[in-house]
Amino acid sequence: MQKNIGKYALRNFQDSDVKSFVRHANNPNIAKNLRDAFPYPFTEEAAEMWIERAINERSKTDFAITYHNEVIGGIGFNLLDDVFSKSAEIGYWISEDYWGNGIATSALHEVKSYSFKTFDIERIFTGVFSNNAASVRVLEKNGFTFEGCLRKSVYKNGIILDQLVYSILREELVEAVD
C-alpha cells in the first residue's frame, strides 16, 4: 500500500526504515499505551524483527506512517481465525513529536477502508487502555462504537487498567466500499 495522507504517507515497511523507526518508537510515552509486544526500550533488533515480519507477510496488514520517508508511526491489523475469522484487531502508534496533528485519525481512516475492501471481514475492533483518551478520540472520529469496558483487564508498567473495546462494522462505513 502506498497512500498519501495529507503531507504524510502510509506505505509498506522497508529494510531502510530501521533507524527512523527506532528514533521515533523508542519512547516510554508511546510504549505505555501499547502491548508489551511493542517493547521499551525499542531497539534496532526489535525494529529489524518487526520490519522483517511486515515485509514477509503474505497479506499486507502492517504499514509505516512516514513523513519525508522517515517512519514516524505505524498501523496494522491482525486477521483473526476460527470462529473470529470475520474480525480483525487493529492497532497504531505515532511519534510523540507528531501528536495532535490528526495523523493517526487519517491513517486509521485509510487502513479501515483498505481492510474492508481487501479482506473478507465484517468487523474491526481494538482495545484501548482506559488512560489513553487521545486514542479514544481517534477511534470515535473514525466512527468506531464503544462496545464495553473490560474491567481491570490490563496490567502495564505495574498498574492495573480497564480496557475499552471499540469496533466498526462493514455496514457502518460512511464511504462506499467496493
N, C-alpha and C. Protein backbone atom coordinates (compact mmCIF):
# COMPACT_ATOMS: atom_id res chain seq x y z
N MET A 1 0.86 -1.18 0.00
CA MET A 1 0.00 0.00 0.00
C MET A 1 0.90 1.24 0.00
N GLN A 2 0.55 2.18 -0.81
CA GLN A 2 1.20 3.49 -0.81
C GLN A 2 0.07 4.51 -0.93
N LYS A 3 -0.10 5.33 0.09
CA LYS A 3 -1.21 6.27 0.12
C LYS A 3 -0.76 7.53 0.83
N ASN A 4 -0.96 8.67 0.20
CA ASN A 4 -0.67 9.94 0.85
C ASN A 4 -1.83 10.30 1.77
N ILE A 5 -1.49 10.75 2.97
CA ILE A 5 -2.49 11.23 3.93
C ILE A 5 -2.04 12.64 4.34
N GLY A 6 -2.48 13.59 3.56
CA GLY A 6 -2.01 14.96 3.76
C GLY A 6 -0.54 15.03 3.39
N LYS A 7 0.26 15.65 4.24
CA LYS A 7 1.69 15.75 3.96
C LYS A 7 2.45 14.51 4.45
N TYR A 8 1.72 13.53 4.95
CA TYR A 8 2.29 12.28 5.43
C TYR A 8 1.95 11.17 4.44
N ALA A 9 2.56 10.02 4.62
CA ALA A 9 2.28 8.88 3.73
C ALA A 9 2.12 7.61 4.54
N LEU A 10 1.37 6.72 3.98
CA LEU A 10 1.16 5.39 4.53
C LEU A 10 1.73 4.43 3.49
N ARG A 11 2.65 3.56 3.90
CA ARG A 11 3.27 2.65 2.94
C ARG A 11 3.76 1.39 3.65
N ASN A 12 4.17 0.42 2.86
CA ASN A 12 4.76 -0.80 3.40
C ASN A 12 6.09 -0.47 4.05
N PHE A 13 6.45 -1.24 5.07
CA PHE A 13 7.76 -1.07 5.70
C PHE A 13 8.86 -1.50 4.73
N GLN A 14 10.04 -0.90 4.91
CA GLN A 14 11.22 -1.21 4.09
C GLN A 14 12.40 -1.48 5.02
N ASP A 15 13.36 -2.27 4.53
CA ASP A 15 14.56 -2.56 5.33
C ASP A 15 15.26 -1.28 5.79
N SER A 16 15.20 -0.24 4.99
CA SER A 16 15.89 1.01 5.31
C SER A 16 15.21 1.82 6.41
N ASP A 17 14.10 1.34 6.93
CA ASP A 17 13.33 2.08 7.95
C ASP A 17 13.84 1.90 9.38
N VAL A 18 14.82 1.04 9.59
CA VAL A 18 15.21 0.68 10.96
C VAL A 18 15.55 1.90 11.81
N LYS A 19 16.45 2.75 11.34
CA LYS A 19 16.94 3.88 12.16
C LYS A 19 15.81 4.83 12.55
N SER A 20 14.99 5.24 11.58
CA SER A 20 13.92 6.19 11.91
C SER A 20 12.84 5.53 12.76
N PHE A 21 12.60 4.25 12.53
CA PHE A 21 11.64 3.51 13.34
C PHE A 21 12.07 3.55 14.80
N VAL A 22 13.33 3.23 15.06
CA VAL A 22 13.85 3.23 16.43
C VAL A 22 13.82 4.64 17.02
N ARG A 23 14.24 5.62 16.24
CA ARG A 23 14.29 7.01 16.72
C ARG A 23 12.92 7.48 17.23
N HIS A 24 11.86 7.10 16.54
CA HIS A 24 10.53 7.58 16.92
C HIS A 24 9.77 6.63 17.85
N ALA A 25 10.08 5.32 17.80
CA ALA A 25 9.35 4.35 18.62
C ALA A 25 9.95 4.17 20.00
N ASN A 26 11.20 4.50 20.17
CA ASN A 26 11.88 4.28 21.45
C ASN A 26 11.52 5.39 22.44
N ASN A 27 10.30 5.31 22.94
CA ASN A 27 9.77 6.37 23.79
C ASN A 27 8.82 5.75 24.81
N PRO A 28 9.06 5.94 26.10
CA PRO A 28 8.17 5.33 27.10
C PRO A 28 6.75 5.85 27.02
N ASN A 29 6.55 7.07 26.50
CA ASN A 29 5.20 7.61 26.38
C ASN A 29 4.40 6.94 25.28
N ILE A 30 5.08 6.33 24.33
CA ILE A 30 4.40 5.53 23.31
C ILE A 30 4.17 4.13 23.85
N ALA A 31 5.22 3.52 24.37
CA ALA A 31 5.14 2.14 24.85
C ALA A 31 4.09 1.96 25.94
N LYS A 32 3.85 2.98 26.75
CA LYS A 32 2.91 2.81 27.87
C LYS A 32 1.48 2.59 27.40
N ASN A 33 1.19 2.91 26.14
CA ASN A 33 -0.16 2.73 25.61
C ASN A 33 -0.28 1.52 24.70
N LEU A 34 0.80 0.72 24.60
CA LEU A 34 0.80 -0.42 23.69
C LEU A 34 1.07 -1.70 24.47
N ARG A 35 0.76 -2.81 23.85
CA ARG A 35 1.05 -4.11 24.46
C ARG A 35 2.55 -4.28 24.61
N ASP A 36 2.92 -5.19 25.49
CA ASP A 36 4.33 -5.44 25.74
C ASP A 36 5.06 -6.02 24.53
N ALA A 37 4.34 -6.51 23.54
CA ALA A 37 4.98 -6.98 22.30
C ALA A 37 5.68 -5.84 21.57
N PHE A 38 5.32 -4.60 21.89
CA PHE A 38 5.99 -3.40 21.39
C PHE A 38 6.87 -2.93 22.55
N PRO A 39 8.12 -3.36 22.57
CA PRO A 39 8.94 -3.20 23.78
C PRO A 39 9.46 -1.78 24.00
N TYR A 40 9.80 -1.53 25.23
CA TYR A 40 10.58 -0.34 25.57
C TYR A 40 11.71 -0.81 26.48
N PRO A 41 12.94 -0.51 26.20
CA PRO A 41 13.36 0.29 25.05
C PRO A 41 13.13 -0.44 23.73
N PHE A 42 12.86 0.35 22.70
CA PHE A 42 12.65 -0.18 21.35
C PHE A 42 13.99 -0.12 20.63
N THR A 43 14.58 -1.27 20.42
CA THR A 43 15.95 -1.38 19.91
C THR A 43 15.97 -1.59 18.40
N GLU A 44 17.17 -1.50 17.83
CA GLU A 44 17.33 -1.81 16.40
C GLU A 44 16.93 -3.25 16.12
N GLU A 45 17.27 -4.15 17.04
CA GLU A 45 16.89 -5.56 16.86
C GLU A 45 15.36 -5.70 16.82
N ALA A 46 14.65 -5.00 17.70
CA ALA A 46 13.18 -5.05 17.70
C ALA A 46 12.63 -4.50 16.38
N ALA A 47 13.21 -3.40 15.90
CA ALA A 47 12.77 -2.81 14.64
C ALA A 47 13.03 -3.76 13.48
N GLU A 48 14.20 -4.36 13.46
CA GLU A 48 14.53 -5.30 12.37
C GLU A 48 13.56 -6.47 12.35
N MET A 49 13.24 -7.01 13.52
CA MET A 49 12.30 -8.14 13.59
C MET A 49 10.91 -7.71 13.12
N TRP A 50 10.47 -6.54 13.57
CA TRP A 50 9.15 -6.02 13.20
C TRP A 50 9.08 -5.82 11.68
N ILE A 51 10.09 -5.18 11.13
CA ILE A 51 10.11 -4.89 9.69
C ILE A 51 10.18 -6.17 8.87
N GLU A 52 11.03 -7.11 9.29
CA GLU A 52 11.14 -8.38 8.57
C GLU A 52 9.79 -9.10 8.52
N ARG A 53 9.10 -9.13 9.65
CA ARG A 53 7.78 -9.76 9.69
C ARG A 53 6.80 -9.05 8.76
N ALA A 54 6.81 -7.72 8.80
CA ALA A 54 5.89 -6.95 7.96
C ALA A 54 6.19 -7.15 6.47
N ILE A 55 7.45 -7.16 6.12
CA ILE A 55 7.83 -7.35 4.71
C ILE A 55 7.43 -8.74 4.22
N ASN A 56 7.57 -9.74 5.08
CA ASN A 56 7.31 -11.12 4.67
C ASN A 56 5.85 -11.55 4.81
N GLU A 57 5.00 -10.67 5.29
CA GLU A 57 3.58 -11.00 5.40
C GLU A 57 3.01 -11.31 4.02
N ARG A 58 2.30 -12.40 3.92
CA ARG A 58 1.63 -12.72 2.66
C ARG A 58 0.51 -11.71 2.40
N SER A 59 -0.31 -11.50 3.41
CA SER A 59 -1.36 -10.49 3.35
C SER A 59 -0.82 -9.24 4.02
N LYS A 60 -0.71 -8.16 3.29
CA LYS A 60 -0.15 -6.93 3.86
C LYS A 60 -1.13 -6.31 4.85
N THR A 61 -0.70 -6.29 6.11
CA THR A 61 -1.57 -5.76 7.17
C THR A 61 -0.85 -4.82 8.12
N ASP A 62 0.45 -4.57 7.91
CA ASP A 62 1.23 -3.66 8.76
C ASP A 62 1.86 -2.58 7.89
N PHE A 63 1.67 -1.32 8.28
CA PHE A 63 2.11 -0.22 7.44
C PHE A 63 2.87 0.83 8.24
N ALA A 64 3.83 1.44 7.59
CA ALA A 64 4.58 2.55 8.16
C ALA A 64 3.84 3.85 7.88
N ILE A 65 3.83 4.73 8.86
CA ILE A 65 3.34 6.09 8.67
C ILE A 65 4.60 6.94 8.56
N THR A 66 4.74 7.67 7.46
CA THR A 66 6.01 8.37 7.20
C THR A 66 5.81 9.85 6.94
N TYR A 67 6.88 10.57 7.17
CA TYR A 67 6.98 12.00 6.84
C TYR A 67 8.35 12.18 6.22
N HIS A 68 8.40 12.67 5.00
CA HIS A 68 9.66 12.76 4.25
C HIS A 68 10.40 11.41 4.26
N ASN A 69 9.62 10.34 4.07
CA ASN A 69 10.12 8.97 4.00
C ASN A 69 10.74 8.46 5.31
N GLU A 70 10.54 9.16 6.41
CA GLU A 70 11.01 8.72 7.72
C GLU A 70 9.83 8.15 8.48
N VAL A 71 10.01 6.96 9.07
CA VAL A 71 8.93 6.33 9.84
C VAL A 71 8.67 7.13 11.11
N ILE A 72 7.44 7.63 11.24
CA ILE A 72 7.04 8.38 12.43
C ILE A 72 5.87 7.70 13.14
N GLY A 73 5.50 6.52 12.66
CA GLY A 73 4.41 5.78 13.28
C GLY A 73 4.15 4.50 12.53
N GLY A 74 3.20 3.77 13.04
CA GLY A 74 2.82 2.52 12.41
C GLY A 74 1.36 2.21 12.68
N ILE A 75 0.78 1.44 11.78
CA ILE A 75 -0.61 1.00 11.94
C ILE A 75 -0.72 -0.37 11.30
N GLY A 76 -1.45 -1.23 11.95
CA GLY A 76 -1.61 -2.57 11.40
C GLY A 76 -2.77 -3.29 12.06
N PHE A 77 -3.12 -4.41 11.45
CA PHE A 77 -4.22 -5.20 11.99
C PHE A 77 -3.91 -6.68 11.85
N ASN A 78 -4.49 -7.44 12.75
CA ASN A 78 -4.36 -8.90 12.73
C ASN A 78 -5.68 -9.49 12.27
N LEU A 79 -5.61 -10.29 11.22
CA LEU A 79 -6.78 -11.03 10.77
C LEU A 79 -6.92 -12.24 11.69
N LEU A 80 -8.08 -12.39 12.29
CA LEU A 80 -8.29 -13.46 13.24
C LEU A 80 -8.74 -14.73 12.52
N ASP A 81 -8.81 -15.83 13.25
CA ASP A 81 -9.18 -17.09 12.63
C ASP A 81 -10.25 -17.79 13.46
N ASP A 82 -10.52 -19.03 13.09
CA ASP A 82 -11.50 -19.87 13.76
C ASP A 82 -12.86 -19.15 13.74
N VAL A 83 -13.57 -19.12 14.83
CA VAL A 83 -14.89 -18.50 14.85
C VAL A 83 -14.83 -16.98 14.76
N PHE A 84 -13.62 -16.42 14.86
CA PHE A 84 -13.43 -14.97 14.76
C PHE A 84 -12.92 -14.56 13.38
N SER A 85 -13.04 -15.42 12.38
CA SER A 85 -12.44 -15.21 11.07
C SER A 85 -13.00 -14.02 10.30
N LYS A 86 -14.07 -13.44 10.74
CA LYS A 86 -14.65 -12.26 10.08
C LYS A 86 -14.29 -10.98 10.82
N SER A 87 -13.32 -11.07 11.74
CA SER A 87 -12.89 -9.92 12.54
C SER A 87 -11.40 -9.66 12.38
N ALA A 88 -11.02 -8.41 12.56
CA ALA A 88 -9.61 -8.01 12.58
C ALA A 88 -9.41 -7.07 13.75
N GLU A 89 -8.26 -7.23 14.42
CA GLU A 89 -7.91 -6.34 15.53
C GLU A 89 -6.87 -5.35 15.05
N ILE A 90 -7.11 -4.06 15.25
CA ILE A 90 -6.24 -3.02 14.74
C ILE A 90 -5.48 -2.33 15.87
N GLY A 91 -4.31 -1.80 15.55
CA GLY A 91 -3.52 -1.03 16.49
C GLY A 91 -2.67 -0.01 15.75
N TYR A 92 -2.24 1.03 16.46
CA TYR A 92 -1.48 2.10 15.81
C TYR A 92 -0.69 2.87 16.86
N TRP A 93 0.32 3.59 16.38
CA TRP A 93 1.11 4.49 17.23
C TRP A 93 1.67 5.61 16.37
N ILE A 94 1.92 6.74 16.99
CA ILE A 94 2.50 7.91 16.33
C ILE A 94 3.61 8.44 17.23
N SER A 95 4.70 8.87 16.63
CA SER A 95 5.78 9.51 17.37
C SER A 95 5.24 10.67 18.19
N GLU A 96 5.72 10.79 19.42
CA GLU A 96 5.26 11.88 20.28
C GLU A 96 5.51 13.25 19.64
N ASP A 97 6.54 13.35 18.80
CA ASP A 97 6.84 14.62 18.12
C ASP A 97 5.71 15.05 17.18
N TYR A 98 4.82 14.12 16.82
CA TYR A 98 3.77 14.41 15.84
C TYR A 98 2.36 14.27 16.42
N TRP A 99 2.25 14.13 17.73
CA TRP A 99 0.93 14.01 18.34
C TRP A 99 0.13 15.29 18.10
N GLY A 100 -1.17 15.13 17.99
CA GLY A 100 -2.08 16.28 17.87
C GLY A 100 -2.21 16.85 16.48
N ASN A 101 -1.67 16.15 15.47
CA ASN A 101 -1.75 16.64 14.09
C ASN A 101 -2.77 15.90 13.23
N GLY A 102 -3.55 15.00 13.82
CA GLY A 102 -4.56 14.27 13.07
C GLY A 102 -4.01 13.12 12.22
N ILE A 103 -2.75 12.78 12.42
CA ILE A 103 -2.13 11.75 11.60
C ILE A 103 -2.74 10.37 11.88
N ALA A 104 -2.90 10.02 13.14
CA ALA A 104 -3.48 8.71 13.48
C ALA A 104 -4.91 8.62 12.97
N THR A 105 -5.66 9.70 13.07
CA THR A 105 -7.04 9.72 12.58
C THR A 105 -7.08 9.45 11.09
N SER A 106 -6.21 10.12 10.33
CA SER A 106 -6.17 9.93 8.88
C SER A 106 -5.69 8.53 8.51
N ALA A 107 -4.65 8.05 9.19
CA ALA A 107 -4.13 6.72 8.90
C ALA A 107 -5.18 5.65 9.19
N LEU A 108 -5.88 5.78 10.31
CA LEU A 108 -6.92 4.81 10.65
C LEU A 108 -8.03 4.84 9.61
N HIS A 109 -8.40 6.00 9.14
CA HIS A 109 -9.43 6.11 8.10
C HIS A 109 -9.03 5.31 6.87
N GLU A 110 -7.80 5.48 6.43
CA GLU A 110 -7.32 4.78 5.23
C GLU A 110 -7.23 3.28 5.45
N VAL A 111 -6.70 2.87 6.59
CA VAL A 111 -6.48 1.44 6.82
C VAL A 111 -7.80 0.71 7.07
N LYS A 112 -8.75 1.35 7.71
CA LYS A 112 -10.04 0.66 7.90
C LYS A 112 -10.71 0.46 6.55
N SER A 113 -10.63 1.45 5.66
CA SER A 113 -11.20 1.30 4.31
C SER A 113 -10.50 0.20 3.54
N TYR A 114 -9.17 0.22 3.57
CA TYR A 114 -8.37 -0.82 2.92
C TYR A 114 -8.73 -2.21 3.45
N SER A 115 -8.89 -2.33 4.76
CA SER A 115 -9.18 -3.62 5.38
C SER A 115 -10.49 -4.20 4.87
N PHE A 116 -11.53 -3.37 4.85
CA PHE A 116 -12.83 -3.85 4.40
C PHE A 116 -12.85 -4.12 2.90
N LYS A 117 -12.11 -3.34 2.12
CA LYS A 117 -12.07 -3.55 0.66
C LYS A 117 -11.25 -4.77 0.28
N THR A 118 -10.23 -5.07 1.06
CA THR A 118 -9.25 -6.10 0.68
C THR A 118 -9.53 -7.46 1.28
N PHE A 119 -10.13 -7.51 2.45
CA PHE A 119 -10.29 -8.76 3.16
C PHE A 119 -11.77 -9.04 3.46
N ASP A 120 -12.09 -10.29 3.58
CA ASP A 120 -13.45 -10.73 3.85
C ASP A 120 -13.72 -10.69 5.35
N ILE A 121 -13.82 -9.46 5.85
CA ILE A 121 -14.10 -9.26 7.28
C ILE A 121 -15.36 -8.41 7.43
N GLU A 122 -15.97 -8.52 8.57
CA GLU A 122 -17.19 -7.77 8.87
C GLU A 122 -16.98 -6.77 10.00
N ARG A 123 -15.89 -6.93 10.75
CA ARG A 123 -15.71 -6.13 11.96
C ARG A 123 -14.23 -5.85 12.19
N ILE A 124 -13.93 -4.61 12.57
CA ILE A 124 -12.59 -4.22 13.02
C ILE A 124 -12.75 -3.71 14.45
N PHE A 125 -11.88 -4.17 15.33
CA PHE A 125 -12.01 -3.76 16.73
C PHE A 125 -10.63 -3.49 17.32
N THR A 126 -10.65 -2.88 18.48
CA THR A 126 -9.43 -2.67 19.25
C THR A 126 -9.77 -2.49 20.71
N GLY A 127 -8.78 -2.74 21.55
CA GLY A 127 -8.90 -2.45 22.96
C GLY A 127 -7.96 -1.30 23.30
N VAL A 128 -8.46 -0.30 23.98
CA VAL A 128 -7.68 0.89 24.34
C VAL A 128 -7.57 0.93 25.85
N PHE A 129 -6.36 1.18 26.34
CA PHE A 129 -6.20 1.33 27.78
C PHE A 129 -7.02 2.53 28.24
N SER A 130 -7.64 2.42 29.39
CA SER A 130 -8.59 3.44 29.86
C SER A 130 -7.95 4.80 30.09
N ASN A 131 -6.64 4.88 30.20
CA ASN A 131 -5.98 6.18 30.40
C ASN A 131 -5.50 6.81 29.10
N ASN A 132 -5.94 6.29 27.96
CA ASN A 132 -5.49 6.79 26.66
C ASN A 132 -6.63 7.52 25.94
N ALA A 133 -6.97 8.70 26.43
CA ALA A 133 -8.07 9.48 25.87
C ALA A 133 -7.83 9.89 24.42
N ALA A 134 -6.59 10.13 24.04
CA ALA A 134 -6.29 10.55 22.66
C ALA A 134 -6.66 9.45 21.68
N SER A 135 -6.36 8.19 22.02
CA SER A 135 -6.70 7.09 21.13
C SER A 135 -8.22 6.90 21.04
N VAL A 136 -8.91 7.11 22.14
CA VAL A 136 -10.37 7.04 22.11
C VAL A 136 -10.92 8.07 21.12
N ARG A 137 -10.37 9.29 21.13
CA ARG A 137 -10.83 10.33 20.19
C ARG A 137 -10.58 9.91 18.74
N VAL A 138 -9.42 9.31 18.47
CA VAL A 138 -9.09 8.85 17.11
C VAL A 138 -10.14 7.84 16.65
N LEU A 139 -10.48 6.90 17.50
CA LEU A 139 -11.46 5.87 17.15
C LEU A 139 -12.84 6.49 16.92
N GLU A 140 -13.27 7.36 17.81
CA GLU A 140 -14.59 7.97 17.68
C GLU A 140 -14.69 8.82 16.42
N LYS A 141 -13.62 9.54 16.06
CA LYS A 141 -13.61 10.33 14.82
C LYS A 141 -13.73 9.44 13.60
N ASN A 142 -13.36 8.18 13.73
CA ASN A 142 -13.43 7.24 12.62
C ASN A 142 -14.69 6.37 12.66
N GLY A 143 -15.64 6.72 13.49
CA GLY A 143 -16.92 6.02 13.51
C GLY A 143 -16.95 4.73 14.31
N PHE A 144 -15.91 4.47 15.09
CA PHE A 144 -15.91 3.29 15.94
C PHE A 144 -16.88 3.50 17.10
N THR A 145 -17.53 2.42 17.50
CA THR A 145 -18.52 2.44 18.57
C THR A 145 -17.95 1.80 19.83
N PHE A 146 -18.18 2.42 20.95
CA PHE A 146 -17.78 1.85 22.24
C PHE A 146 -18.64 0.63 22.51
N GLU A 147 -18.00 -0.51 22.73
CA GLU A 147 -18.73 -1.76 22.98
C GLU A 147 -18.78 -2.12 24.46
N GLY A 148 -17.77 -1.72 25.19
CA GLY A 148 -17.78 -2.08 26.60
C GLY A 148 -16.43 -1.90 27.25
N CYS A 149 -16.44 -2.11 28.54
CA CYS A 149 -15.24 -1.95 29.36
C CYS A 149 -14.88 -3.30 29.96
N LEU A 150 -13.66 -3.75 29.71
CA LEU A 150 -13.15 -4.95 30.35
C LEU A 150 -12.42 -4.48 31.61
N ARG A 151 -13.08 -4.60 32.72
CA ARG A 151 -12.58 -4.03 33.97
C ARG A 151 -11.32 -4.73 34.45
N LYS A 152 -10.34 -3.91 34.83
CA LYS A 152 -9.07 -4.38 35.39
C LYS A 152 -8.48 -5.53 34.58
N SER A 153 -8.49 -5.41 33.26
CA SER A 153 -8.04 -6.49 32.39
C SER A 153 -6.62 -6.30 31.86
N VAL A 154 -6.01 -5.15 32.12
CA VAL A 154 -4.68 -4.85 31.60
C VAL A 154 -3.74 -4.60 32.78
N TYR A 155 -2.57 -5.21 32.70
CA TYR A 155 -1.52 -4.94 33.68
C TYR A 155 -0.32 -4.42 32.91
N LYS A 156 -0.05 -3.13 33.04
CA LYS A 156 1.01 -2.48 32.27
C LYS A 156 1.82 -1.59 33.20
N ASN A 157 3.12 -1.79 33.20
CA ASN A 157 4.04 -0.97 34.00
C ASN A 157 3.64 -0.89 35.46
N GLY A 158 3.21 -2.01 36.02
CA GLY A 158 2.86 -2.06 37.43
C GLY A 158 1.51 -1.49 37.78
N ILE A 159 0.71 -1.14 36.78
CA ILE A 159 -0.61 -0.54 37.00
C ILE A 159 -1.68 -1.44 36.39
N ILE A 160 -2.77 -1.61 37.09
CA ILE A 160 -3.92 -2.35 36.55
C ILE A 160 -4.89 -1.34 35.97
N LEU A 161 -5.27 -1.57 34.70
CA LEU A 161 -6.14 -0.65 33.98
C LEU A 161 -7.35 -1.38 33.41
N ASP A 162 -8.39 -0.62 33.14
CA ASP A 162 -9.51 -1.12 32.35
C ASP A 162 -9.12 -1.04 30.88
N GLN A 163 -9.75 -1.89 30.08
CA GLN A 163 -9.58 -1.82 28.63
C GLN A 163 -10.92 -1.47 28.01
N LEU A 164 -10.93 -0.46 27.17
CA LEU A 164 -12.15 -0.01 26.49
C LEU A 164 -12.16 -0.62 25.10
N VAL A 165 -13.24 -1.32 24.77
CA VAL A 165 -13.33 -2.01 23.48
C VAL A 165 -14.19 -1.19 22.52
N TYR A 166 -13.61 -0.94 21.34
CA TYR A 166 -14.28 -0.18 20.27
C TYR A 166 -14.29 -1.02 19.00
N SER A 167 -15.33 -0.84 18.18
CA SER A 167 -15.38 -1.55 16.90
C SER A 167 -16.13 -0.75 15.86
N ILE A 168 -15.93 -1.16 14.62
CA ILE A 168 -16.71 -0.65 13.50
C ILE A 168 -17.05 -1.84 12.62
N LEU A 169 -18.25 -1.84 12.09
CA LEU A 169 -18.72 -2.91 11.23
C LEU A 169 -18.70 -2.45 9.77
N ARG A 170 -18.57 -3.40 8.88
CA ARG A 170 -18.55 -3.09 7.44
C ARG A 170 -19.71 -2.18 7.05
N GLU A 171 -20.92 -2.49 7.52
CA GLU A 171 -22.10 -1.71 7.10
C GLU A 171 -22.13 -0.31 7.71
N GLU A 172 -21.27 -0.03 8.65
CA GLU A 172 -21.24 1.28 9.28
C GLU A 172 -20.32 2.28 8.58
N LEU A 173 -19.58 1.82 7.59
CA LEU A 173 -18.68 2.74 6.88
C LEU A 173 -19.49 3.82 6.19
N VAL A 174 -19.03 5.05 6.30
CA VAL A 174 -19.70 6.16 5.64
C VAL A 174 -19.39 6.17 4.15
N GLU A 175 -18.11 5.91 3.81
CA GLU A 175 -17.74 5.91 2.41
C GLU A 175 -18.15 4.59 1.78
N ALA A 176 -18.31 4.59 0.47
CA ALA A 176 -18.68 3.39 -0.24
C ALA A 176 -17.51 2.41 -0.23
N VAL A 177 -17.82 1.15 0.00
CA VAL A 177 -16.81 0.10 -0.04
C VAL A 177 -17.11 -0.74 -1.28
N ASP A 178 -16.18 -0.74 -2.20
CA ASP A 178 -16.39 -1.51 -3.46
C ASP A 178 -16.22 -2.98 -3.23
